[in-house]
Each structure stands twice: as structure tokens, then as C-alpha cells.
């Protein structure tokens, strides 16, 4: 199976802060969703076709895996 290395077309991904969530932006720069590396949860803020949504969630999980929390 071929692993996809490019982001889904017409979407960009941007981290808000060095340790912050990752925003999913459409081609018009509207925030469509936010992804948390700490929990692996994508919070959708706009309607996206199910097939695209699943592809984006998989891409985020592959490229930004859930980080184990560092306990002191």
C-alpha cells in the first residue's frame, strides 16, 4: 500500500503555537478544524464531505501522532 506524504488537496495545516493545536485551513484560509497532538482528537468547526474528513483525520494522525505526555 502506498503511503501518502502530501497533504490532502485544497487544505493546509498550521500550528498556532509551538506546543499548540494544529489548524486545518481550506483554500480560503478558513479554519475548518483543530487537531490536538495530545489527545489525537480533531474538532471540526465547519462541514466537510465525509470522505475528505476521513482522509484529513488519517493524514493528521500519520504526520502528527499523539505525543506521550511528559510527567515530571
Protein backbone atom coordinates (compact mmCIF):
# COMPACT_ATOMS: atom_id res chain seq x y z
CA UNK A 1 0.00 0.00 0.00
CA UNK A 2 1.35 3.39 -0.99
CA UNK A 3 1.77 5.84 1.88
CA UNK A 4 0.56 9.35 1.14
CA UNK A 5 3.11 12.03 2.01
CA UNK A 6 1.35 15.08 0.62
CA UNK A 7 -1.44 16.93 2.37
CA UNK A 8 -4.97 16.47 1.03
CA UNK A 9 -5.53 18.95 -1.82
CA UNK A 10 -7.08 22.34 -1.03
CA UNK A 11 -6.25 22.08 2.69
CA UNK A 12 -3.28 23.44 4.61
CA UNK A 13 -2.15 22.74 8.15
CA UNK A 14 -0.76 25.34 10.53
CA UNK A 15 0.37 25.12 14.14
CA UNK A 16 -0.93 28.06 16.16
CA UNK A 17 1.81 27.97 18.82
CA UNK A 18 4.94 25.82 19.28
CA UNK A 19 3.05 23.45 21.58
CA UNK A 20 -0.45 24.35 20.38
CA UNK A 21 -3.06 22.64 18.26
CA UNK A 22 -2.82 22.25 14.51
CA UNK A 23 -5.38 24.14 12.46
CA UNK A 24 -6.85 22.71 9.27
CA UNK A 25 -7.44 25.55 6.80
CA UNK A 26 -9.26 25.43 3.48
CA UNK A 27 -8.04 27.21 0.36
CA UNK A 28 -9.82 30.39 1.50
CA UNK A 29 -7.88 30.28 4.82
CA UNK A 30 -10.99 29.49 6.87
CA UNK A 31 -10.36 27.32 9.92
CA UNK A 32 -12.16 24.05 9.24
CA UNK A 33 -10.90 22.05 12.22
CA UNK A 34 -8.34 21.89 15.00
CA UNK A 35 -6.27 18.81 15.84
CA UNK A 36 -4.68 18.15 19.22
CA UNK A 37 -1.48 16.09 19.29
CA UNK A 38 -2.03 15.49 22.99
CA UNK A 39 -5.36 13.70 22.50
CA UNK A 40 -5.45 12.83 18.79
CA UNK A 41 -8.91 14.41 18.54
CA UNK A 42 -10.00 16.53 15.58
CA UNK A 43 -12.63 19.15 16.45
CA UNK A 44 -14.49 20.09 13.27
CA UNK A 45 -15.88 23.61 13.08
CA UNK A 46 -17.24 23.52 9.51
CA UNK A 47 -18.97 20.93 7.36
CA UNK A 48 -16.65 18.81 5.23
CA UNK A 49 -17.55 15.87 2.98
CA UNK A 50 -17.13 12.62 4.93
CA UNK A 51 -14.56 11.14 2.53
CA UNK A 52 -12.38 14.27 2.80
CA UNK A 53 -12.82 14.40 6.55
CA UNK A 54 -11.65 10.81 6.98
CA UNK A 55 -8.67 11.41 4.70
CA UNK A 56 -7.67 14.54 6.64
CA UNK A 57 -8.02 12.80 10.01
CA UNK A 58 -5.85 9.90 8.83
CA UNK A 59 -3.26 12.30 7.38
CA UNK A 60 -3.10 14.24 10.66
CA UNK A 61 -2.70 11.03 12.67
CA UNK A 62 0.09 9.82 10.38
CA UNK A 63 2.02 13.11 10.31
CA UNK A 64 1.29 14.36 13.85
CA UNK A 65 0.98 11.22 16.02
CA UNK A 66 -0.31 11.50 19.57
CA UNK A 67 2.53 12.63 21.84
CA UNK A 68 3.05 10.83 25.12
CA UNK A 69 2.69 13.34 27.92
CA UNK A 70 5.90 14.04 29.82
CA UNK A 71 5.31 13.52 33.53
CA UNK A 72 7.73 15.05 35.97
